[in-house]
Amino acid sequence: MSGFTHSALSTYTVEDKAELRTKSVYGAVSMPLFTIREGIKYAEKLPYLTTDPQMQADTGCNAINVSGDGGTFGQITLTVAKVKFEDGWCFTDLEQKFTQKFLRKGSKLDENSVTDLMNTVMDDYAARIAKKMEMAIWQSSTSNTFNTNLKQFNGFIQTLDTLGGYVNQQTSASTSYTSITTSNILTIMDNQWLYVPADLRRSENLVTTMGEDTWSKLIIALKNANNFNWTASSQDAGKMELIYPGTTMKIIAVPGMNSDNHSALPAAFKNRIITFEKDNFVVGTDMISDIEDWVTWFEKKDDKLYTRNKFKMTTGIFFAERVVSFATV
């Protein structure tokens, strides 16, 4: 018998030469759309003021007739939830596999033992925290039981539905769409604009948000309708933003409203389209930079590297009646 005999060897697969890759994930998109209120340790009441002056006939030199509403004060309460991310890594777990290549020489492992690997890990970790926060700021609810990432505080959808009193587009337009499709999305968006309160139509802070899945249907519908007359300022494909043709309504697709963010999402959190002003939607927190401020340390008694990220978060809305919302029925 000639040649090599290798029946006693297992099939070999090269594992240690390729560069370590991570999956790309979307980061935080929605936060710049809101007003941030910092310095809240537990709860804070935010005041607001409305006035209602009344026009009168001028009948000459008469006594002052006070008939207007000089000012009505109100307030909303923001109670922040305490939230954290924590994790830990034992570097000896890497010794038995090809991952040993990430370890420096020597049996005494510490925070400097796998610097390159941990830089990659922490970059990926940060991106995934940003993604979870993007979803939570819209779709979290303290009453949910299906996912811990979406139950630590109430996101804007839950806050809006709890308040009620907003402009329900389907009710106003006498429609009953049970889904969003490329066939009905243009009618839905027409109605979204038609039922924006008159005081808001010229607001520079007015924005309409939807999930990227809804955005995709809108773009296809606009393409099919031969609406190619957008100007460069009307559409930013990279940011998934556009001005709805013929209106001043700015539409922004936000991944935090995607219907596929979790398979168990209740129907109320899917297929939503919400029009609001930036200064009407408030994020309450102690310090917004806490979300990106981590404490990382190597614990010698455990031989582990730990990380901890703590912050406080909640959402609030001043005037629900100045919000237009579409939801499937």
Protein backbone atom coordinates (compact mmCIF):
# COMPACT_ATOMS: atom_id res chain seq x y z
CA MET A 1 0.00 0.00 0.00
CA SER A 2 1.44 3.34 -1.02
CA GLY A 3 0.67 6.88 0.06
CA PHE A 4 -0.30 8.31 3.44
CA THR A 5 -2.51 6.59 5.96
CA HIS A 6 -4.52 9.12 7.97
CA SER A 7 -7.68 7.33 9.01
CA ALA A 8 -6.88 7.91 12.67
CA LEU A 9 -6.94 11.68 12.24
CA SER A 10 -10.04 13.85 12.45
CA THR A 11 -10.93 16.18 9.62
CA TYR A 12 -9.05 19.42 10.05
CA THR A 13 -10.57 22.85 9.64
CA VAL A 14 -8.41 25.96 9.84
CA GLU A 15 -9.85 28.18 12.56
CA ASP A 16 -7.18 30.59 13.67
CA LYS A 17 -6.09 32.54 10.60
CA ALA A 18 -9.11 34.62 9.64
CA GLU A 19 -9.74 37.97 11.27
CA LEU A 20 -12.46 38.10 13.91
CA ARG A 21 -15.61 39.63 12.44
CA THR A 22 -18.76 40.94 14.11
CA LYS A 23 -22.25 41.40 12.74
CA SER A 24 -23.21 44.94 11.87
CA VAL A 25 -26.14 46.35 13.83
CA TYR A 26 -27.97 49.66 13.69
CA GLY A 27 -27.29 52.14 16.43
CA ALA A 28 -29.31 54.83 18.15
CA VAL A 29 -31.30 56.82 15.58
CA SER A 30 -34.28 58.31 17.40
CA MET A 31 -32.72 60.13 20.37
CA PRO A 32 -31.96 63.38 18.45
CA LEU A 33 -35.69 63.64 17.66
CA PHE A 34 -36.63 64.26 21.30
CA THR A 35 -36.07 66.89 23.96
CA ILE A 36 -33.74 65.60 26.69
CA ARG A 37 -34.46 66.54 30.31
CA GLU A 38 -31.47 65.78 32.53
CA GLY A 39 -30.91 65.90 36.27
CA ILE A 40 -33.82 63.67 37.31
CA LYS A 41 -32.76 61.46 40.22
CA TYR A 42 -36.17 59.93 40.83
CA ALA A 43 -39.10 62.09 39.68
CA GLU A 44 -39.62 65.61 38.47
CA LYS A 45 -42.66 67.67 37.51
CA LEU A 46 -42.27 69.65 34.30
CA PRO A 47 -44.57 72.70 34.08
CA TYR A 48 -46.18 74.12 30.97
CA LEU A 49 -48.26 77.22 30.23
CA THR A 50 -51.09 77.94 27.80
CA THR A 51 -52.90 81.24 27.20
CA ASP A 52 -56.13 82.09 25.36
CA PRO A 53 -56.49 85.82 24.58
CA GLN A 54 -59.94 86.95 23.41
CA MET A 55 -60.63 89.57 20.71
CA GLN A 56 -63.09 92.29 21.74
CA ALA A 57 -64.84 95.24 20.19
CA ASP A 58 -63.20 98.58 20.98
CA THR A 59 -66.04 100.82 22.21
CA GLY A 60 -63.95 103.79 23.25
CA CYS A 61 -62.92 105.05 26.65
CA ASN A 62 -64.36 102.34 28.82
CA ALA A 63 -62.99 100.41 31.75
CA ILE A 64 -60.74 97.49 31.05
CA ASN A 65 -62.79 94.39 30.28
CA VAL A 66 -60.66 91.38 31.15
CA SER A 67 -62.12 88.51 29.17
CA GLY A 68 -59.10 86.45 28.09
CA ASP A 69 -57.30 83.62 29.76
CA GLY A 70 -54.09 85.21 30.98
CA GLY A 71 -52.41 81.86 31.49
CA THR A 72 -53.19 78.33 32.61
CA PHE A 73 -50.43 76.29 34.19
CA GLY A 74 -50.15 72.52 34.05
CA GLN A 75 -47.47 69.91 34.59
CA ILE A 76 -46.41 66.43 33.69
CA THR A 77 -44.47 64.09 35.95
CA LEU A 78 -41.41 62.17 34.77
CA THR A 79 -40.44 59.27 37.03
CA VAL A 80 -37.25 57.65 35.82
CA ALA A 81 -36.52 53.93 35.96
CA LYS A 82 -33.09 52.72 37.06
CA VAL A 83 -31.59 50.56 34.31
CA LYS A 84 -28.28 48.74 33.93
CA PHE A 85 -26.23 46.44 31.72
CA GLU A 86 -23.67 44.16 33.38
CA ASP A 87 -21.39 41.46 32.04
CA GLY A 88 -18.21 39.57 32.83
CA TRP A 89 -15.56 37.57 30.98
CA CYS A 90 -13.26 34.78 32.20
CA PHE A 91 -10.19 34.65 29.94
CA THR A 92 -9.28 31.07 30.85
CA ASP A 93 -12.37 30.05 28.86
CA LEU A 94 -10.34 30.89 25.77
CA GLU A 95 -7.49 28.50 26.45
CA GLN A 96 -8.94 25.24 25.10
CA LYS A 97 -9.94 26.48 21.64
CA PHE A 98 -8.31 28.39 18.81
CA THR A 99 -9.26 31.50 20.80
CA GLN A 100 -6.07 30.93 22.78
CA LYS A 101 -4.36 32.95 20.05
CA PHE A 102 -5.90 36.07 21.59
CA LEU A 103 -4.12 35.44 24.91
CA ARG A 104 -0.71 36.80 25.67
CA LYS A 105 1.97 34.47 27.03
CA GLY A 106 1.87 33.58 30.71
CA SER A 107 -0.64 32.06 33.11
CA LYS A 108 -1.29 35.28 35.00
CA LEU A 109 -4.18 36.84 33.15
CA ASP A 110 -5.42 40.38 33.73
CA GLU A 111 -7.12 43.26 31.95
CA ASN A 112 -4.19 43.56 29.53
CA SER A 113 -4.19 39.88 28.52
CA VAL A 114 -6.55 40.18 25.54
CA THR A 115 -6.57 43.85 24.65
CA ASP A 116 -7.28 43.45 20.93
CA LEU A 117 -10.05 40.93 21.51
CA MET A 118 -11.74 42.99 24.20
CA ASN A 119 -11.64 46.11 22.03
CA THR A 120 -13.61 44.15 19.43
CA VAL A 121 -15.96 42.73 22.07
CA MET A 122 -16.67 46.11 23.63
CA ASP A 123 -17.23 47.80 20.27
CA ASP A 124 -19.81 45.14 19.42
CA TYR A 125 -21.27 45.36 22.93
CA ALA A 126 -21.70 49.14 22.60
CA ALA A 127 -23.43 48.80 19.23
CA ARG A 128 -25.87 46.24 20.60
CA ILE A 129 -26.70 48.37 23.63
CA ALA A 130 -27.43 51.26 21.27
CA LYS A 131 -29.75 48.98 19.29
CA LYS A 132 -31.58 47.84 22.42
CA MET A 133 -32.01 51.44 23.53
CA GLU A 134 -33.34 52.43 20.10
CA MET A 135 -36.04 49.76 20.38
CA ALA A 136 -36.81 50.47 24.03
CA ILE A 137 -37.31 54.22 23.58
CA TRP A 138 -40.28 53.38 21.35
CA GLN A 139 -41.52 49.87 22.13
CA SER A 140 -40.75 49.17 25.78
CA SER A 141 -43.53 48.80 28.32
CA THR A 142 -43.29 47.96 32.01
CA SER A 143 -46.32 45.70 31.59
CA ASN A 144 -44.73 43.41 28.99
CA THR A 145 -43.70 39.89 29.98
CA PHE A 146 -41.91 38.64 26.88
CA ASN A 147 -38.55 40.42 26.84
CA THR A 148 -36.45 42.01 29.57
CA ASN A 149 -34.97 44.56 27.16
CA LEU A 150 -38.43 45.97 26.51
CA LYS A 151 -39.86 46.20 30.02
CA GLN A 152 -37.60 48.43 32.11
CA PHE A 153 -39.47 51.70 31.40
CA ASN A 154 -42.33 52.91 29.21
CA GLY A 155 -41.33 53.94 25.71
CA PHE A 156 -43.14 56.62 23.72
CA ILE A 157 -45.76 54.31 22.20
CA GLN A 158 -46.87 53.06 25.63
CA THR A 159 -46.72 56.59 27.06
CA LEU A 160 -48.88 57.94 24.23
CA ASP A 161 -51.45 55.15 24.44
CA THR A 162 -51.67 55.53 28.22
CA LEU A 163 -52.31 59.27 27.94
CA GLY A 164 -54.86 58.94 25.14
CA GLY A 165 -56.44 62.08 23.71
CA TYR A 166 -54.22 62.13 20.62
CA VAL A 167 -55.50 62.47 17.06
CA ASN A 168 -56.34 58.93 15.99
CA GLN A 169 -55.91 59.02 12.25
CA GLN A 170 -58.11 56.02 11.50
CA THR A 171 -60.95 57.42 13.60
CA SER A 172 -60.62 60.89 12.06
CA ALA A 173 -60.50 59.54 8.50
CA SER A 174 -63.18 56.87 9.07
CA THR A 175 -60.85 54.10 7.87
CA SER A 176 -60.14 50.67 9.28
CA TYR A 177 -56.90 49.40 7.80
CA THR A 178 -55.76 46.14 9.34
CA SER A 179 -52.33 46.26 7.70
CA ILE A 180 -50.01 48.62 5.85
CA THR A 181 -49.33 47.70 2.23
CA THR A 182 -47.86 49.32 -0.85
CA SER A 183 -51.45 49.75 -2.05
CA ASN A 184 -52.76 51.74 0.91
CA ILE A 185 -49.67 53.50 2.31
CA LEU A 186 -50.13 56.64 0.19
CA THR A 187 -53.71 57.06 1.38
CA ILE A 188 -52.55 56.50 4.95
CA MET A 189 -49.84 59.16 4.60
CA ASP A 190 -52.27 61.57 2.92
CA ASN A 191 -54.55 61.21 5.93
CA GLN A 192 -51.64 61.55 8.34
CA TRP A 193 -50.98 64.99 6.88
CA LEU A 194 -54.66 65.97 6.57
CA TYR A 195 -55.29 65.42 10.27
CA VAL A 196 -52.23 67.25 11.58
CA PRO A 197 -53.67 70.03 13.80
CA ALA A 198 -53.59 73.39 12.03
CA ASP A 199 -51.26 74.92 14.64
CA LEU A 200 -48.60 72.33 13.82
CA ARG A 201 -48.43 72.40 10.04
CA ARG A 202 -45.88 75.20 9.93
CA SER A 203 -43.88 73.98 12.90
CA GLU A 204 -40.17 73.59 12.13
CA ASN A 205 -39.96 70.84 14.75
CA LEU A 206 -42.71 68.66 13.26
CA VAL A 207 -41.63 65.16 12.29
CA THR A 208 -43.38 61.93 11.33
CA THR A 209 -41.74 58.66 12.35
CA MET A 210 -42.37 55.12 11.18
CA GLY A 211 -40.58 51.78 11.14
CA GLU A 212 -38.16 50.96 8.36
CA ASP A 213 -40.55 48.25 7.18
CA THR A 214 -43.30 50.84 6.69
CA TRP A 215 -40.79 53.19 5.07
CA SER A 216 -39.89 50.52 2.52
CA LYS A 217 -43.54 50.19 1.50
CA LEU A 218 -43.84 53.98 1.22
CA ILE A 219 -40.80 54.27 -1.05
CA ILE A 220 -42.06 51.49 -3.33
CA ALA A 221 -45.50 53.10 -3.51
CA LEU A 222 -43.98 56.49 -4.39
CA LYS A 223 -41.82 54.83 -7.05
CA ASN A 224 -44.83 53.03 -8.52
CA ALA A 225 -46.75 56.31 -8.58
CA ASN A 226 -43.94 57.82 -10.68
CA ASN A 227 -43.13 60.44 -8.07
CA PHE A 228 -39.60 61.16 -9.22
CA ASN A 229 -39.76 64.92 -8.78
CA TRP A 230 -38.12 65.12 -5.38
CA THR A 231 -35.39 67.70 -4.95
CA ALA A 232 -32.10 66.94 -3.28
CA SER A 233 -33.36 68.64 -0.13
CA SER A 234 -36.54 66.60 -0.12
CA GLN A 235 -34.98 63.19 0.29
CA ASP A 236 -31.97 61.76 2.05
CA ALA A 237 -31.86 58.10 1.09
CA GLY A 238 -28.87 57.40 3.31
CA LYS A 239 -30.70 58.62 6.40
CA MET A 240 -34.06 57.25 5.24
CA GLU A 241 -35.69 60.68 5.39
CA LEU A 242 -37.89 62.62 2.98
CA ILE A 243 -40.39 65.44 2.75
CA TYR A 244 -43.72 63.90 1.79
CA PRO A 245 -44.42 65.18 -1.76
CA GLY A 246 -46.66 68.24 -1.83
CA THR A 247 -46.45 68.87 1.94
CA THR A 248 -44.03 70.14 4.56
CA MET A 249 -44.24 66.85 6.49
CA LYS A 250 -40.79 65.43 7.20
CA ILE A 251 -40.81 61.64 7.42
CA ILE A 252 -38.03 59.73 9.16
CA ALA A 253 -37.71 55.94 9.31
CA VAL A 254 -36.54 54.78 12.75
CA PRO A 255 -35.53 51.17 13.44
CA GLY A 256 -36.92 51.42 16.96
CA MET A 257 -40.44 51.21 15.45
CA ASN A 258 -39.77 48.16 13.24
CA SER A 259 -42.47 45.51 13.53
CA ASP A 260 -39.89 42.70 13.50
CA ASN A 261 -37.91 43.97 16.51
CA HIS A 262 -39.38 41.10 18.52
CA SER A 263 -41.63 38.24 17.48
CA ALA A 264 -43.88 38.71 20.52
CA LEU A 265 -44.51 42.44 20.10
CA PRO A 266 -48.20 43.26 20.73
CA ALA A 267 -50.10 44.62 17.74
CA ALA A 268 -50.23 48.10 19.31
CA PHE A 269 -46.44 48.41 18.97
CA LYS A 270 -46.34 47.40 15.29
CA ASN A 271 -47.17 49.38 12.14
CA ARG A 272 -47.33 52.70 14.00
CA ILE A 273 -46.94 56.08 12.32
CA ILE A 274 -46.59 59.03 14.70
CA THR A 275 -46.42 62.76 13.96
CA PHE A 276 -45.18 65.04 16.74
CA GLU A 277 -43.04 68.05 17.66
CA LYS A 278 -39.59 67.57 19.11
CA ASP A 279 -40.30 69.75 22.14
CA ASN A 280 -43.47 67.75 22.89
CA PHE A 281 -41.70 64.41 23.34
CA VAL A 282 -39.38 64.39 26.36
CA VAL A 283 -36.76 61.86 27.44
CA GLY A 284 -36.19 62.06 31.18
CA THR A 285 -32.83 60.97 32.57
CA ASP A 286 -30.24 61.86 35.17
CA MET A 287 -27.51 62.38 32.59
CA ILE A 288 -27.87 61.31 28.95
CA SER A 289 -24.17 60.53 28.62
CA ASP A 290 -24.60 57.78 31.25
CA ILE A 291 -25.85 55.52 28.45
CA GLU A 292 -22.36 55.53 26.94
CA ASP A 293 -20.37 55.75 30.18
CA TRP A 294 -19.20 52.30 31.30
CA VAL A 295 -17.19 51.17 34.27
CA THR A 296 -14.81 48.32 33.38
CA TRP A 297 -12.47 46.59 35.83
CA PHE A 298 -10.52 43.37 36.32
CA GLU A 299 -11.46 41.57 39.53
CA LYS A 300 -8.41 39.64 40.71
CA LYS A 301 -10.27 37.46 43.18
CA ASP A 302 -12.48 36.18 40.34
CA ASP A 303 -9.93 36.37 37.52
CA LYS A 304 -12.64 38.10 35.48
CA LEU A 305 -13.08 41.31 33.58
CA TYR A 306 -16.37 43.02 34.47
CA THR A 307 -18.32 45.86 32.91
CA ARG A 308 -21.25 47.83 34.24
CA ASN A 309 -23.39 50.53 32.67
CA LYS A 310 -26.06 52.28 34.78
CA PHE A 311 -28.46 55.01 33.77
CA LYS A 312 -31.97 56.34 34.39
CA MET A 313 -34.62 56.64 31.72
CA THR A 314 -38.26 57.43 31.05
CA THR A 315 -40.39 59.14 28.41
CA GLY A 316 -43.03 61.86 28.65
CA ILE A 317 -45.38 63.81 26.41
CA PHE A 318 -46.67 67.30 27.20
CA PHE A 319 -49.64 67.59 24.85
CA ALA A 320 -51.15 64.37 23.52
CA GLU A 321 -53.72 66.33 21.52
CA ARG A 322 -50.86 67.67 19.39
CA VAL A 323 -49.87 64.17 18.25
CA VAL A 324 -51.27 62.30 15.24
CA SER A 325 -51.04 58.52 15.45
CA PHE A 326 -51.86 55.76 12.99
CA ALA A 327 -52.29 52.21 14.23
CA THR A 328 -53.73 49.21 12.44
CA VAL A 329 -57.01 47.88 13.79
